[in-house]
N, C-alpha and C. Protein backbone atom coordinates (compact mmCIF):
# COMPACT_ATOMS: atom_id res chain seq x y z
N MET A 1 -104.02 -41.70 -45.61
CA MET A 1 -103.22 -41.35 -46.74
C MET A 1 -101.77 -41.20 -46.31
N TYR A 2 -100.89 -41.77 -47.07
CA TYR A 2 -99.45 -41.62 -46.90
C TYR A 2 -98.90 -41.09 -48.20
N GLN A 3 -97.89 -40.25 -48.11
CA GLN A 3 -97.16 -39.86 -49.30
C GLN A 3 -95.72 -39.61 -48.92
N TYR A 4 -94.87 -39.68 -49.91
CA TYR A 4 -93.44 -39.50 -49.67
C TYR A 4 -93.04 -38.10 -50.13
N PHE A 5 -92.12 -37.50 -49.37
CA PHE A 5 -91.61 -36.18 -49.69
C PHE A 5 -90.14 -36.13 -49.28
N ASN A 6 -89.27 -36.11 -50.26
CA ASN A 6 -87.82 -36.02 -50.01
C ASN A 6 -87.33 -37.05 -48.99
N GLY A 7 -87.79 -38.29 -49.12
CA GLY A 7 -87.35 -39.37 -48.23
C GLY A 7 -88.10 -39.44 -46.91
N LEU A 8 -89.06 -38.55 -46.71
CA LEU A 8 -89.87 -38.54 -45.49
C LEU A 8 -91.26 -39.06 -45.82
N VAL A 9 -92.02 -39.44 -44.80
CA VAL A 9 -93.39 -39.89 -44.99
C VAL A 9 -94.33 -38.85 -44.37
N ILE A 10 -95.34 -38.46 -45.14
CA ILE A 10 -96.37 -37.55 -44.63
C ILE A 10 -97.64 -38.37 -44.46
N ARG A 11 -98.17 -38.35 -43.25
CA ARG A 11 -99.41 -39.07 -42.94
C ARG A 11 -100.53 -38.07 -42.75
N GLU A 12 -101.68 -38.39 -43.26
CA GLU A 12 -102.87 -37.57 -43.04
C GLU A 12 -103.73 -38.23 -41.98
N GLY A 13 -104.26 -37.44 -41.07
CA GLY A 13 -105.20 -37.98 -40.10
C GLY A 13 -105.03 -37.37 -38.73
N THR A 14 -106.10 -37.41 -37.96
CA THR A 14 -106.12 -36.82 -36.63
C THR A 14 -106.08 -37.87 -35.53
N GLU A 15 -106.06 -39.15 -35.89
CA GLU A 15 -106.07 -40.22 -34.90
C GLU A 15 -104.68 -40.76 -34.64
N GLY A 16 -104.42 -41.10 -33.39
CA GLY A 16 -103.22 -41.82 -33.02
C GLY A 16 -101.93 -41.03 -33.06
N VAL A 17 -102.00 -39.72 -32.97
CA VAL A 17 -100.78 -38.91 -32.94
C VAL A 17 -100.24 -38.93 -31.51
N PRO A 18 -99.03 -39.46 -31.32
CA PRO A 18 -98.48 -39.58 -29.96
C PRO A 18 -98.22 -38.23 -29.30
N ALA A 19 -98.77 -38.04 -28.12
CA ALA A 19 -98.66 -36.78 -27.39
C ALA A 19 -97.21 -36.39 -27.14
N GLU A 20 -96.36 -37.36 -26.82
CA GLU A 20 -94.97 -37.02 -26.50
C GLU A 20 -94.23 -36.46 -27.70
N TYR A 21 -94.59 -36.88 -28.93
CA TYR A 21 -93.94 -36.34 -30.13
C TYR A 21 -94.39 -34.91 -30.38
N VAL A 22 -95.68 -34.65 -30.15
CA VAL A 22 -96.20 -33.29 -30.32
C VAL A 22 -95.54 -32.36 -29.30
N GLU A 23 -95.44 -32.82 -28.07
CA GLU A 23 -94.81 -32.01 -27.03
C GLU A 23 -93.36 -31.68 -27.40
N GLU A 24 -92.63 -32.64 -27.94
CA GLU A 24 -91.24 -32.39 -28.34
C GLU A 24 -91.16 -31.34 -29.45
N LEU A 25 -92.07 -31.42 -30.41
CA LEU A 25 -92.09 -30.40 -31.47
C LEU A 25 -92.37 -29.01 -30.89
N PHE A 26 -93.33 -28.94 -29.97
CA PHE A 26 -93.68 -27.66 -29.36
C PHE A 26 -92.52 -27.11 -28.54
N LYS A 27 -91.81 -27.98 -27.84
CA LYS A 27 -90.64 -27.54 -27.07
C LYS A 27 -89.56 -27.02 -28.00
N ASP A 28 -89.29 -27.73 -29.09
CA ASP A 28 -88.27 -27.33 -30.04
C ASP A 28 -88.60 -25.96 -30.65
N ALA A 29 -89.88 -25.69 -30.85
CA ALA A 29 -90.31 -24.41 -31.41
C ALA A 29 -90.36 -23.29 -30.37
N GLY A 30 -90.23 -23.66 -29.10
CA GLY A 30 -90.32 -22.66 -28.04
C GLY A 30 -91.74 -22.36 -27.61
N TRP A 31 -92.66 -23.23 -27.99
CA TRP A 31 -94.08 -23.02 -27.66
C TRP A 31 -94.46 -23.63 -26.33
N ALA A 32 -93.65 -24.53 -25.82
CA ALA A 32 -93.97 -25.22 -24.57
C ALA A 32 -92.70 -25.39 -23.75
N LYS A 33 -92.89 -25.40 -22.46
CA LYS A 33 -91.80 -25.70 -21.54
C LYS A 33 -92.12 -27.05 -20.93
N THR A 34 -91.72 -27.29 -19.73
CA THR A 34 -92.06 -28.54 -19.07
C THR A 34 -93.56 -28.57 -18.79
N THR A 35 -94.21 -29.62 -19.24
CA THR A 35 -95.65 -29.75 -19.09
C THR A 35 -95.95 -30.71 -17.94
N PRO A 36 -96.81 -30.29 -16.99
CA PRO A 36 -97.20 -31.22 -15.92
C PRO A 36 -97.87 -32.46 -16.50
N ASN A 37 -97.69 -33.60 -15.88
CA ASN A 37 -98.26 -34.86 -16.39
C ASN A 37 -99.76 -34.76 -16.64
N TRP A 38 -100.48 -34.08 -15.76
CA TRP A 38 -101.93 -34.01 -15.91
C TRP A 38 -102.35 -33.21 -17.15
N GLN A 39 -101.41 -32.45 -17.75
CA GLN A 39 -101.75 -31.66 -18.93
C GLN A 39 -101.28 -32.29 -20.24
N LYS A 40 -100.53 -33.37 -20.17
CA LYS A 40 -99.93 -33.95 -21.37
C LYS A 40 -100.97 -34.47 -22.37
N GLU A 41 -102.13 -34.86 -21.88
CA GLU A 41 -103.15 -35.39 -22.80
C GLU A 41 -103.63 -34.34 -23.79
N LYS A 42 -103.42 -33.06 -23.50
CA LYS A 42 -103.87 -32.02 -24.43
C LYS A 42 -103.18 -32.14 -25.78
N PHE A 43 -101.95 -32.69 -25.79
CA PHE A 43 -101.22 -32.81 -27.04
C PHE A 43 -101.83 -33.86 -27.97
N THR A 44 -102.63 -34.76 -27.44
CA THR A 44 -103.39 -35.71 -28.26
C THR A 44 -104.78 -35.16 -28.55
N LEU A 45 -105.40 -34.55 -27.57
CA LEU A 45 -106.76 -34.04 -27.73
C LEU A 45 -106.86 -32.95 -28.79
N ILE A 46 -105.80 -32.15 -28.97
CA ILE A 46 -105.88 -31.11 -30.00
C ILE A 46 -106.11 -31.71 -31.38
N PHE A 47 -105.63 -32.91 -31.60
CA PHE A 47 -105.85 -33.57 -32.89
C PHE A 47 -107.25 -34.13 -33.01
N LYS A 48 -107.76 -34.69 -31.93
CA LYS A 48 -109.10 -35.26 -31.96
C LYS A 48 -110.14 -34.20 -32.27
N ASN A 49 -109.86 -32.96 -31.90
CA ASN A 49 -110.80 -31.87 -32.12
C ASN A 49 -110.43 -31.01 -33.32
N SER A 50 -109.49 -31.46 -34.14
CA SER A 50 -109.10 -30.74 -35.35
C SER A 50 -109.83 -31.31 -36.55
N THR A 51 -109.97 -30.50 -37.58
CA THR A 51 -110.64 -30.94 -38.80
C THR A 51 -109.72 -31.79 -39.66
N TRP A 52 -108.51 -31.29 -39.88
CA TRP A 52 -107.52 -32.01 -40.67
C TRP A 52 -106.18 -31.92 -39.98
N ALA A 53 -105.33 -32.89 -40.24
CA ALA A 53 -103.97 -32.84 -39.72
C ALA A 53 -103.06 -33.68 -40.61
N PHE A 54 -101.81 -33.25 -40.66
CA PHE A 54 -100.77 -34.00 -41.35
C PHE A 54 -99.57 -34.06 -40.41
N THR A 55 -98.92 -35.20 -40.37
CA THR A 55 -97.69 -35.36 -39.61
C THR A 55 -96.59 -35.82 -40.56
N VAL A 56 -95.37 -35.44 -40.27
CA VAL A 56 -94.22 -35.79 -41.11
C VAL A 56 -93.28 -36.65 -40.29
N TRP A 57 -92.83 -37.75 -40.90
CA TRP A 57 -92.04 -38.74 -40.19
C TRP A 57 -90.74 -39.03 -40.92
N ASP A 58 -89.68 -39.10 -40.14
CA ASP A 58 -88.38 -39.60 -40.61
C ASP A 58 -88.17 -40.90 -39.85
N ASN A 59 -88.45 -42.00 -40.51
CA ASN A 59 -88.50 -43.32 -39.87
C ASN A 59 -89.51 -43.27 -38.72
N ASP A 60 -89.09 -43.49 -37.48
CA ASP A 60 -90.02 -43.51 -36.35
C ASP A 60 -90.10 -42.19 -35.60
N GLN A 61 -89.47 -41.14 -36.13
CA GLN A 61 -89.47 -39.85 -35.45
C GLN A 61 -90.41 -38.87 -36.17
N MET A 62 -91.37 -38.31 -35.43
CA MET A 62 -92.23 -37.28 -36.00
C MET A 62 -91.44 -35.98 -36.00
N ILE A 63 -91.22 -35.42 -37.20
CA ILE A 63 -90.37 -34.23 -37.31
C ILE A 63 -91.14 -32.99 -37.73
N GLY A 64 -92.44 -33.13 -37.97
CA GLY A 64 -93.25 -31.98 -38.34
C GLY A 64 -94.72 -32.31 -38.26
N MET A 65 -95.53 -31.26 -38.20
CA MET A 65 -96.98 -31.45 -38.14
C MET A 65 -97.69 -30.15 -38.48
N VAL A 66 -98.93 -30.29 -38.86
CA VAL A 66 -99.83 -29.16 -39.03
C VAL A 66 -101.23 -29.65 -38.68
N ARG A 67 -102.01 -28.77 -38.06
CA ARG A 67 -103.41 -29.11 -37.81
C ARG A 67 -104.27 -27.92 -38.18
N VAL A 68 -105.50 -28.22 -38.60
CA VAL A 68 -106.40 -27.22 -39.16
C VAL A 68 -107.77 -27.32 -38.50
N LEU A 69 -108.37 -26.17 -38.26
CA LEU A 69 -109.77 -26.08 -37.84
C LEU A 69 -110.55 -25.46 -39.00
N SER A 70 -111.70 -26.07 -39.34
CA SER A 70 -112.45 -25.59 -40.50
C SER A 70 -113.92 -25.97 -40.41
N ASP A 71 -114.75 -25.20 -41.12
CA ASP A 71 -116.15 -25.58 -41.29
C ASP A 71 -116.32 -26.48 -42.51
N LYS A 72 -115.24 -26.72 -43.26
CA LYS A 72 -115.16 -27.57 -44.45
C LYS A 72 -115.95 -27.02 -45.64
N ILE A 73 -116.40 -25.78 -45.54
CA ILE A 73 -117.18 -25.19 -46.62
C ILE A 73 -116.59 -23.85 -47.07
N MET A 74 -116.40 -22.94 -46.11
CA MET A 74 -115.99 -21.59 -46.47
C MET A 74 -114.65 -21.15 -45.91
N ALA A 75 -114.27 -21.64 -44.75
CA ALA A 75 -113.08 -21.09 -44.10
C ALA A 75 -112.31 -22.16 -43.34
N ALA A 76 -111.01 -21.92 -43.21
CA ALA A 76 -110.13 -22.82 -42.46
C ALA A 76 -108.98 -22.02 -41.88
N THR A 77 -108.49 -22.48 -40.74
CA THR A 77 -107.37 -21.83 -40.06
C THR A 77 -106.29 -22.85 -39.73
N ILE A 78 -105.07 -22.55 -40.15
CA ILE A 78 -103.93 -23.36 -39.75
C ILE A 78 -103.60 -22.95 -38.33
N MET A 79 -103.74 -23.89 -37.41
CA MET A 79 -103.52 -23.59 -35.99
C MET A 79 -102.08 -23.82 -35.56
N ASP A 80 -101.52 -24.93 -35.91
CA ASP A 80 -100.16 -25.27 -35.51
C ASP A 80 -99.43 -25.85 -36.71
N LEU A 81 -98.41 -25.17 -37.13
CA LEU A 81 -97.51 -25.69 -38.16
C LEU A 81 -96.12 -25.62 -37.57
N VAL A 82 -95.49 -26.77 -37.42
CA VAL A 82 -94.17 -26.80 -36.80
C VAL A 82 -93.33 -27.91 -37.42
N VAL A 83 -92.05 -27.59 -37.63
CA VAL A 83 -91.08 -28.54 -38.15
C VAL A 83 -89.86 -28.45 -37.23
N LEU A 84 -89.31 -29.60 -36.85
CA LEU A 84 -88.11 -29.59 -36.01
C LEU A 84 -87.04 -28.71 -36.63
N SER A 85 -86.33 -27.99 -35.79
CA SER A 85 -85.38 -26.99 -36.28
C SER A 85 -84.34 -27.56 -37.25
N GLN A 86 -83.86 -28.77 -37.02
CA GLN A 86 -82.84 -29.31 -37.92
C GLN A 86 -83.40 -29.73 -39.28
N TYR A 87 -84.72 -29.74 -39.44
CA TYR A 87 -85.34 -30.09 -40.72
C TYR A 87 -85.91 -28.87 -41.45
N ARG A 88 -85.80 -27.70 -40.87
CA ARG A 88 -86.36 -26.49 -41.49
C ARG A 88 -85.54 -26.09 -42.72
N GLY A 89 -86.20 -25.38 -43.61
CA GLY A 89 -85.54 -24.90 -44.82
C GLY A 89 -85.47 -25.93 -45.93
N LYS A 90 -86.21 -27.03 -45.80
CA LYS A 90 -86.17 -28.11 -46.80
C LYS A 90 -87.50 -28.24 -47.54
N GLY A 91 -88.39 -27.25 -47.37
CA GLY A 91 -89.66 -27.28 -48.09
C GLY A 91 -90.77 -28.06 -47.39
N ILE A 92 -90.51 -28.58 -46.21
CA ILE A 92 -91.50 -29.41 -45.51
C ILE A 92 -92.71 -28.56 -45.11
N GLY A 93 -92.47 -27.40 -44.53
CA GLY A 93 -93.56 -26.52 -44.12
C GLY A 93 -94.41 -26.09 -45.29
N GLN A 94 -93.77 -25.73 -46.39
CA GLN A 94 -94.52 -25.33 -47.58
C GLN A 94 -95.36 -26.49 -48.11
N ARG A 95 -94.82 -27.68 -48.08
CA ARG A 95 -95.58 -28.85 -48.53
C ARG A 95 -96.80 -29.07 -47.65
N LEU A 96 -96.64 -28.90 -46.35
CA LEU A 96 -97.77 -29.06 -45.43
C LEU A 96 -98.86 -28.03 -45.71
N VAL A 97 -98.46 -26.79 -45.98
CA VAL A 97 -99.46 -25.76 -46.31
C VAL A 97 -100.17 -26.13 -47.61
N GLU A 98 -99.45 -26.59 -48.61
CA GLU A 98 -100.07 -27.01 -49.88
C GLU A 98 -101.11 -28.10 -49.64
N LEU A 99 -100.76 -29.09 -48.84
CA LEU A 99 -101.69 -30.19 -48.55
C LEU A 99 -102.94 -29.67 -47.85
N CYS A 100 -102.76 -28.73 -46.95
CA CYS A 100 -103.91 -28.14 -46.25
C CYS A 100 -104.84 -27.44 -47.23
N VAL A 101 -104.27 -26.55 -48.04
CA VAL A 101 -105.08 -25.74 -48.97
C VAL A 101 -105.80 -26.63 -49.97
N GLN A 102 -105.22 -27.75 -50.33
CA GLN A 102 -105.89 -28.69 -51.24
C GLN A 102 -107.19 -29.23 -50.65
N LYS A 103 -107.31 -29.24 -49.33
CA LYS A 103 -108.53 -29.73 -48.68
C LYS A 103 -109.71 -28.79 -48.90
N LEU A 104 -109.43 -27.51 -49.06
CA LEU A 104 -110.48 -26.49 -49.25
C LEU A 104 -109.93 -25.43 -50.21
N PRO A 105 -109.75 -25.81 -51.48
CA PRO A 105 -109.03 -24.93 -52.41
C PRO A 105 -109.73 -23.61 -52.72
N HIS A 106 -111.03 -23.54 -52.57
CA HIS A 106 -111.74 -22.30 -52.87
C HIS A 106 -112.23 -21.60 -51.61
N GLY A 107 -111.76 -22.03 -50.48
CA GLY A 107 -112.15 -21.42 -49.21
C GLY A 107 -111.18 -20.32 -48.80
N ASP A 108 -111.55 -19.62 -47.76
CA ASP A 108 -110.69 -18.60 -47.18
C ASP A 108 -109.82 -19.27 -46.13
N TRP A 109 -108.52 -19.07 -46.24
CA TRP A 109 -107.55 -19.67 -45.34
C TRP A 109 -106.90 -18.61 -44.48
N PHE A 110 -106.69 -18.95 -43.23
CA PHE A 110 -106.05 -18.07 -42.27
C PHE A 110 -104.94 -18.87 -41.58
N ALA A 111 -103.96 -18.17 -41.05
CA ALA A 111 -102.88 -18.83 -40.31
C ALA A 111 -102.77 -18.19 -38.94
N HIS A 112 -102.87 -19.00 -37.92
CA HIS A 112 -102.69 -18.55 -36.53
C HIS A 112 -101.18 -18.55 -36.30
N THR A 113 -100.55 -17.37 -36.40
CA THR A 113 -99.10 -17.31 -36.36
C THR A 113 -98.63 -15.96 -35.84
N SER A 114 -97.35 -15.84 -35.64
CA SER A 114 -96.76 -14.57 -35.22
C SER A 114 -96.18 -13.85 -36.44
N SER A 115 -95.91 -12.56 -36.29
CA SER A 115 -95.46 -11.75 -37.42
C SER A 115 -94.12 -12.23 -38.00
N ASN A 116 -93.29 -12.89 -37.20
CA ASN A 116 -92.02 -13.35 -37.76
C ASN A 116 -92.21 -14.49 -38.77
N ASN A 117 -93.42 -15.02 -38.89
CA ASN A 117 -93.70 -16.07 -39.88
C ASN A 117 -94.45 -15.53 -41.11
N PHE A 118 -94.71 -14.22 -41.15
CA PHE A 118 -95.47 -13.66 -42.27
C PHE A 118 -94.80 -13.94 -43.62
N SER A 119 -93.48 -13.79 -43.70
CA SER A 119 -92.81 -13.99 -44.99
C SER A 119 -92.95 -15.45 -45.46
N PHE A 120 -92.91 -16.40 -44.52
CA PHE A 120 -93.12 -17.80 -44.89
C PHE A 120 -94.49 -17.98 -45.53
N TYR A 121 -95.53 -17.44 -44.87
CA TYR A 121 -96.87 -17.62 -45.40
C TYR A 121 -97.08 -16.86 -46.71
N GLU A 122 -96.40 -15.73 -46.88
CA GLU A 122 -96.47 -15.03 -48.17
C GLU A 122 -95.90 -15.91 -49.28
N LYS A 123 -94.81 -16.64 -49.01
CA LYS A 123 -94.25 -17.57 -49.99
C LYS A 123 -95.25 -18.67 -50.35
N CYS A 124 -96.13 -18.97 -49.41
CA CYS A 124 -97.15 -20.01 -49.63
C CYS A 124 -98.42 -19.45 -50.27
N GLY A 125 -98.43 -18.17 -50.63
CA GLY A 125 -99.57 -17.58 -51.30
C GLY A 125 -100.54 -16.81 -50.42
N PHE A 126 -100.26 -16.72 -49.12
CA PHE A 126 -101.11 -15.95 -48.22
C PHE A 126 -100.78 -14.46 -48.36
N GLU A 127 -101.75 -13.62 -48.05
CA GLU A 127 -101.53 -12.18 -48.04
C GLU A 127 -101.44 -11.70 -46.60
N VAL A 128 -100.52 -10.78 -46.36
CA VAL A 128 -100.45 -10.12 -45.08
C VAL A 128 -101.03 -8.73 -45.32
N ARG A 129 -102.18 -8.49 -44.75
CA ARG A 129 -102.90 -7.25 -45.01
C ARG A 129 -102.57 -6.18 -43.99
N ASP A 130 -102.87 -4.97 -44.37
CA ASP A 130 -102.73 -3.82 -43.48
C ASP A 130 -103.75 -3.99 -42.36
N LEU A 131 -103.27 -4.20 -41.15
CA LEU A 131 -104.17 -4.48 -40.03
C LEU A 131 -105.00 -3.27 -39.63
N SER A 132 -104.64 -2.08 -40.11
CA SER A 132 -105.49 -0.93 -39.80
C SER A 132 -106.76 -0.95 -40.66
N GLU A 133 -106.73 -1.72 -41.73
CA GLU A 133 -107.90 -1.83 -42.60
C GLU A 133 -108.61 -3.17 -42.44
N ASN A 134 -107.86 -4.22 -42.28
CA ASN A 134 -108.41 -5.57 -42.13
C ASN A 134 -107.64 -6.26 -41.02
N GLY A 135 -108.30 -7.04 -40.26
CA GLY A 135 -107.57 -7.71 -39.19
C GLY A 135 -108.41 -8.77 -38.51
N THR A 136 -107.79 -9.38 -37.57
CA THR A 136 -108.44 -10.42 -36.79
C THR A 136 -108.32 -10.04 -35.33
N CYS A 137 -109.41 -10.13 -34.63
CA CYS A 137 -109.39 -9.89 -33.19
C CYS A 137 -109.02 -11.19 -32.50
N ALA A 138 -108.30 -11.10 -31.42
CA ALA A 138 -107.86 -12.32 -30.74
C ALA A 138 -107.92 -12.16 -29.23
N TYR A 139 -108.28 -13.23 -28.57
CA TYR A 139 -108.18 -13.34 -27.12
C TYR A 139 -107.35 -14.58 -26.88
N TYR A 140 -106.22 -14.43 -26.21
CA TYR A 140 -105.32 -15.55 -25.98
C TYR A 140 -105.50 -16.05 -24.56
N GLY A 141 -106.24 -17.13 -24.42
CA GLY A 141 -106.52 -17.70 -23.11
C GLY A 141 -105.29 -18.18 -22.38
N TYR A 142 -104.28 -18.62 -23.12
CA TYR A 142 -103.08 -19.11 -22.44
C TYR A 142 -102.34 -17.99 -21.73
N ILE A 143 -102.42 -16.77 -22.25
CA ILE A 143 -101.78 -15.64 -21.58
C ILE A 143 -102.49 -15.36 -20.27
N GLN A 144 -103.81 -15.37 -20.31
CA GLN A 144 -104.60 -15.17 -19.10
C GLN A 144 -104.33 -16.28 -18.09
N ALA A 145 -104.22 -17.52 -18.58
CA ALA A 145 -103.95 -18.66 -17.69
C ALA A 145 -102.59 -18.48 -17.00
N ARG A 146 -101.60 -17.99 -17.73
CA ARG A 146 -100.30 -17.74 -17.10
C ARG A 146 -100.41 -16.68 -16.01
N LYS A 147 -101.15 -15.61 -16.30
CA LYS A 147 -101.33 -14.54 -15.31
C LYS A 147 -101.99 -15.06 -14.04
N GLU A 148 -102.91 -16.01 -14.23
CA GLU A 148 -103.63 -16.56 -13.09
C GLU A 148 -102.92 -17.76 -12.45
N GLY A 149 -101.74 -18.12 -12.98
CA GLY A 149 -100.94 -19.20 -12.41
C GLY A 149 -101.37 -20.60 -12.80
N HIS A 150 -102.15 -20.74 -13.88
CA HIS A 150 -102.60 -22.06 -14.30
C HIS A 150 -101.67 -22.73 -15.30
N ARG A 151 -100.72 -21.98 -15.85
CA ARG A 151 -99.78 -22.52 -16.85
C ARG A 151 -98.39 -22.07 -16.54
């Protein structure tokens, strides 16, 4: 599926997403630093193991992406939503969230994100709940990997 959004092209699919474009988006967002060559394939593999994904293109440059993990019945989690910094504030992220939710409109949606993004997700219809009453437990393997010198 292809669709146009404000002169950009949004592609749906988990196949054929170039690892180097994903790495550049992650670097721009501050999520990745220099990646050893032996680890670069992870930027492609994350899509192969995702349920849904959308990428945003300005001609031949990938300027945004989102990927989702889901059981396709009851629940889904937005794992990575990123837009290049110079394209932010133009509604691209909100459009990506809309496309995701359309895949499972009556399911429970979650966003794997940091607190500085809560207001963005609230604009998209998500609720930020009182974590003393409701919450999600997390174990971040990448933090442990850094402590052990693997990342």
